[in-house]
Each structure stands twice: as structure tokens, then as C-alpha cells.
Amino acid sequence: MIRESKPGRYGDGNGLYLMIPKAGAAYWMCRYTFAGKRRGMSLGKYSHLSLAEAREQWLRLRRRFVAVKTLLPSANVKKK
């Protein structure tokens, strides 16, 4: 199924995406905003992580980001 899909970014919701590159293996990626900047982080290859596992990893990471934002108010401020 993945091999037949067009290259691109396919969203699952809440910042979780399945990335299908033109060449290479598909992988899970999450997108988030930290210190006013949009960032992305790879969670692992599609062949190694199921959708449920990717969602679980992303949920754990989001909880960490919330904790950091709570502890570091400067993380919420965009630098000029």
C-alpha cells in the first residue's frame, strides 16, 4: 500500500505525519512549535513502527514539551 502511494506528507492529526519520500523508506514524523519556531522530529521508519506505536510515542513527546514549557516560561516567547 505504501509503495503505491504518492510521495508527500500524510497527516494523522495533532501533528503526526507519515512521510513518503521520492526515494527511500517511509517514516513517521511529528511537527511542533517550540520557542516560536516550527520544528519536526522523526519518530522512526514505517516498517518498524505501527500507527498505534507512533501515536503513543508522539503523545509521550507532547507531554514532555508541555512540561518544559511549564518549567521554562522563556520557551513560550519568540526570540527577535
N, C-alpha and C. Protein backbone atom coordinates (compact mmCIF):
# COMPACT_ATOMS: atom_id res chain seq x y z
N MET A 1 0.82 -1.19 0.00
CA MET A 1 0.00 0.00 0.00
C MET A 1 0.87 1.25 0.00
N ILE A 2 1.89 1.30 0.85
CA ILE A 2 2.74 2.48 0.94
C ILE A 2 3.53 2.68 -0.37
N ARG A 3 3.98 1.61 -0.97
CA ARG A 3 4.77 1.72 -2.20
C ARG A 3 3.95 2.30 -3.35
N GLU A 4 2.63 2.11 -3.30
CA GLU A 4 1.76 2.62 -4.35
C GLU A 4 1.37 4.09 -4.12
N SER A 5 1.62 4.60 -2.94
CA SER A 5 1.24 5.98 -2.60
C SER A 5 2.20 6.99 -3.23
N LYS A 6 1.67 8.17 -3.46
CA LYS A 6 2.50 9.25 -4.00
C LYS A 6 3.37 9.81 -2.89
N PRO A 7 4.57 10.29 -3.23
CA PRO A 7 5.42 10.93 -2.21
C PRO A 7 4.70 12.15 -1.62
N GLY A 8 4.91 12.36 -0.33
CA GLY A 8 4.29 13.51 0.33
C GLY A 8 4.17 13.30 1.82
N ARG A 9 3.43 14.21 2.44
CA ARG A 9 3.21 14.18 3.89
C ARG A 9 1.73 13.91 4.13
N TYR A 10 1.45 12.85 4.87
CA TYR A 10 0.08 12.45 5.13
C TYR A 10 -0.19 12.57 6.62
N GLY A 11 -1.07 13.50 7.00
CA GLY A 11 -1.34 13.80 8.40
C GLY A 11 -2.32 12.83 9.05
N ASP A 12 -2.02 12.49 10.29
CA ASP A 12 -2.91 11.66 11.11
C ASP A 12 -3.69 12.52 12.09
N GLY A 13 -3.24 13.73 12.30
CA GLY A 13 -3.88 14.63 13.25
C GLY A 13 -2.96 14.95 14.40
N ASN A 14 -3.14 16.12 14.98
CA ASN A 14 -2.36 16.57 16.14
C ASN A 14 -0.86 16.58 15.90
N GLY A 15 -0.44 16.82 14.66
CA GLY A 15 0.98 16.97 14.38
C GLY A 15 1.73 15.72 14.01
N LEU A 16 1.07 14.58 13.85
CA LEU A 16 1.72 13.33 13.46
C LEU A 16 1.53 13.12 11.96
N TYR A 17 2.62 12.80 11.26
CA TYR A 17 2.58 12.63 9.81
C TYR A 17 3.32 11.37 9.38
N LEU A 18 2.84 10.77 8.31
CA LEU A 18 3.57 9.71 7.63
C LEU A 18 4.22 10.37 6.43
N MET A 19 5.54 10.35 6.39
CA MET A 19 6.30 10.97 5.30
C MET A 19 6.68 9.88 4.30
N ILE A 20 6.35 10.12 3.04
CA ILE A 20 6.73 9.19 1.98
C ILE A 20 7.63 9.95 1.01
N PRO A 21 8.95 9.71 1.09
CA PRO A 21 9.89 10.40 0.21
C PRO A 21 9.86 9.81 -1.21
N LYS A 22 10.42 10.55 -2.16
CA LYS A 22 10.52 10.05 -3.53
C LYS A 22 11.40 8.81 -3.58
N ALA A 23 12.45 8.82 -2.80
CA ALA A 23 13.36 7.67 -2.72
C ALA A 23 13.60 7.35 -1.25
N GLY A 24 13.64 6.09 -0.92
CA GLY A 24 13.89 5.72 0.46
C GLY A 24 12.63 5.21 1.14
N ALA A 25 12.78 4.92 2.41
CA ALA A 25 11.69 4.31 3.18
C ALA A 25 10.78 5.36 3.81
N ALA A 26 9.51 5.03 3.92
CA ALA A 26 8.54 5.90 4.59
C ALA A 26 8.84 5.94 6.08
N TYR A 27 8.54 7.08 6.71
CA TYR A 27 8.82 7.23 8.14
C TYR A 27 7.78 8.12 8.79
N TRP A 28 7.68 7.99 10.12
CA TRP A 28 6.78 8.81 10.92
C TRP A 28 7.51 10.07 11.37
N MET A 29 6.81 11.19 11.33
CA MET A 29 7.39 12.47 11.72
C MET A 29 6.35 13.26 12.51
N CYS A 30 6.81 13.99 13.50
CA CYS A 30 5.90 14.88 14.23
C CYS A 30 6.36 16.31 14.02
N ARG A 31 5.42 17.22 14.00
CA ARG A 31 5.71 18.65 13.86
C ARG A 31 5.17 19.37 15.08
N TYR A 32 5.94 20.34 15.56
CA TYR A 32 5.56 21.06 16.76
C TYR A 32 6.18 22.45 16.73
N THR A 33 5.74 23.32 17.61
CA THR A 33 6.29 24.66 17.74
C THR A 33 6.96 24.77 19.10
N PHE A 34 8.20 25.24 19.09
CA PHE A 34 8.94 25.43 20.33
C PHE A 34 9.71 26.73 20.23
N ALA A 35 9.58 27.58 21.23
CA ALA A 35 10.22 28.89 21.27
C ALA A 35 9.88 29.69 20.01
N GLY A 36 8.64 29.56 19.55
CA GLY A 36 8.19 30.34 18.42
C GLY A 36 8.63 29.84 17.06
N LYS A 37 9.30 28.69 17.01
CA LYS A 37 9.77 28.15 15.74
C LYS A 37 9.12 26.80 15.46
N ARG A 38 8.75 26.61 14.21
CA ARG A 38 8.15 25.34 13.78
C ARG A 38 9.26 24.33 13.56
N ARG A 39 9.11 23.16 14.14
CA ARG A 39 10.16 22.14 14.06
C ARG A 39 9.53 20.79 13.73
N GLY A 40 10.37 19.85 13.32
CA GLY A 40 9.92 18.50 13.03
C GLY A 40 10.90 17.49 13.62
N MET A 41 10.37 16.32 13.95
CA MET A 41 11.21 15.28 14.54
C MET A 41 10.77 13.93 13.98
N SER A 42 11.73 13.13 13.53
CA SER A 42 11.43 11.80 13.03
C SER A 42 11.23 10.86 14.21
N LEU A 43 10.22 10.01 14.13
CA LEU A 43 9.94 9.05 15.19
C LEU A 43 10.44 7.65 14.84
N GLY A 44 10.58 7.36 13.57
CA GLY A 44 11.06 6.05 13.15
C GLY A 44 10.46 5.64 11.82
N LYS A 45 11.02 4.59 11.23
CA LYS A 45 10.56 4.11 9.94
C LYS A 45 9.20 3.44 10.06
N TYR A 46 8.43 3.55 9.00
CA TYR A 46 7.10 2.96 8.93
C TYR A 46 7.17 1.44 9.14
N SER A 47 8.22 0.82 8.63
CA SER A 47 8.34 -0.64 8.75
C SER A 47 8.64 -1.09 10.18
N HIS A 48 9.13 -0.16 11.02
CA HIS A 48 9.48 -0.51 12.41
C HIS A 48 8.44 -0.06 13.44
N LEU A 49 7.58 0.88 13.06
CA LEU A 49 6.58 1.43 13.99
C LEU A 49 5.19 1.34 13.38
N SER A 50 4.26 0.79 14.13
CA SER A 50 2.87 0.80 13.68
C SER A 50 2.28 2.19 13.93
N LEU A 51 1.11 2.44 13.41
CA LEU A 51 0.43 3.71 13.65
C LEU A 51 0.18 3.89 15.14
N ALA A 52 -0.26 2.84 15.82
CA ALA A 52 -0.52 2.94 17.26
C ALA A 52 0.75 3.27 18.04
N GLU A 53 1.87 2.66 17.67
CA GLU A 53 3.14 2.93 18.35
C GLU A 53 3.61 4.36 18.08
N ALA A 54 3.45 4.82 16.85
CA ALA A 54 3.84 6.20 16.52
C ALA A 54 2.99 7.20 17.29
N ARG A 55 1.69 6.93 17.41
CA ARG A 55 0.80 7.81 18.17
C ARG A 55 1.21 7.84 19.64
N GLU A 56 1.56 6.68 20.19
CA GLU A 56 1.97 6.60 21.59
C GLU A 56 3.26 7.38 21.83
N GLN A 57 4.24 7.22 20.94
CA GLN A 57 5.50 7.97 21.08
C GLN A 57 5.26 9.47 21.00
N TRP A 58 4.42 9.89 20.06
CA TRP A 58 4.15 11.31 19.89
C TRP A 58 3.42 11.87 21.11
N LEU A 59 2.50 11.10 21.68
CA LEU A 59 1.80 11.53 22.89
C LEU A 59 2.78 11.74 24.04
N ARG A 60 3.72 10.81 24.21
CA ARG A 60 4.73 10.95 25.27
C ARG A 60 5.61 12.18 25.04
N LEU A 61 6.00 12.42 23.79
CA LEU A 61 6.82 13.61 23.48
C LEU A 61 6.05 14.90 23.74
N ARG A 62 4.78 14.93 23.35
CA ARG A 62 3.97 16.13 23.59
C ARG A 62 3.85 16.44 25.07
N ARG A 63 3.71 15.40 25.88
CA ARG A 63 3.65 15.62 27.33
C ARG A 63 4.95 16.22 27.84
N ARG A 64 6.07 15.77 27.32
CA ARG A 64 7.37 16.35 27.72
C ARG A 64 7.46 17.81 27.31
N PHE A 65 7.01 18.13 26.09
CA PHE A 65 7.06 19.52 25.63
C PHE A 65 6.21 20.42 26.51
N VAL A 66 5.05 19.95 26.91
CA VAL A 66 4.18 20.73 27.79
C VAL A 66 4.88 20.96 29.13
N ALA A 67 5.54 19.93 29.66
CA ALA A 67 6.26 20.07 30.93
C ALA A 67 7.38 21.09 30.81
N VAL A 68 8.11 21.06 29.71
CA VAL A 68 9.22 22.00 29.51
C VAL A 68 8.68 23.42 29.39
N LYS A 69 7.59 23.61 28.66
CA LYS A 69 7.00 24.95 28.52
C LYS A 69 6.52 25.48 29.87
N THR A 70 6.03 24.58 30.72
CA THR A 70 5.58 24.98 32.05
C THR A 70 6.75 25.40 32.92
N LEU A 71 7.86 24.67 32.82
CA LEU A 71 9.03 24.95 33.66
C LEU A 71 9.86 26.12 33.13
N LEU A 72 9.85 26.31 31.81
CA LEU A 72 10.67 27.36 31.20
C LEU A 72 9.76 28.37 30.47
N PRO A 73 9.30 29.39 31.17
CA PRO A 73 8.44 30.37 30.51
C PRO A 73 9.07 31.01 29.28
N SER A 74 10.40 31.07 29.24
CA SER A 74 11.08 31.66 28.09
C SER A 74 10.89 30.83 26.84
N ALA A 75 10.52 29.55 26.97
CA ALA A 75 10.28 28.70 25.81
C ALA A 75 9.03 29.13 25.07
N ASN A 76 8.16 29.89 25.71
CA ASN A 76 6.92 30.35 25.08
C ASN A 76 7.10 31.67 24.34
N VAL A 77 8.25 32.31 24.51
CA VAL A 77 8.48 33.62 23.92
C VAL A 77 9.32 33.47 22.66
N LYS A 78 8.85 34.11 21.60
CA LYS A 78 9.60 34.08 20.34
C LYS A 78 10.76 35.06 20.45
N LYS A 79 11.95 34.58 20.09
CA LYS A 79 13.14 35.45 20.13
C LYS A 79 13.17 36.33 18.90
N LYS A 80 13.63 37.56 19.11
CA LYS A 80 13.71 38.53 17.99
C LYS A 80 15.09 38.54 17.38
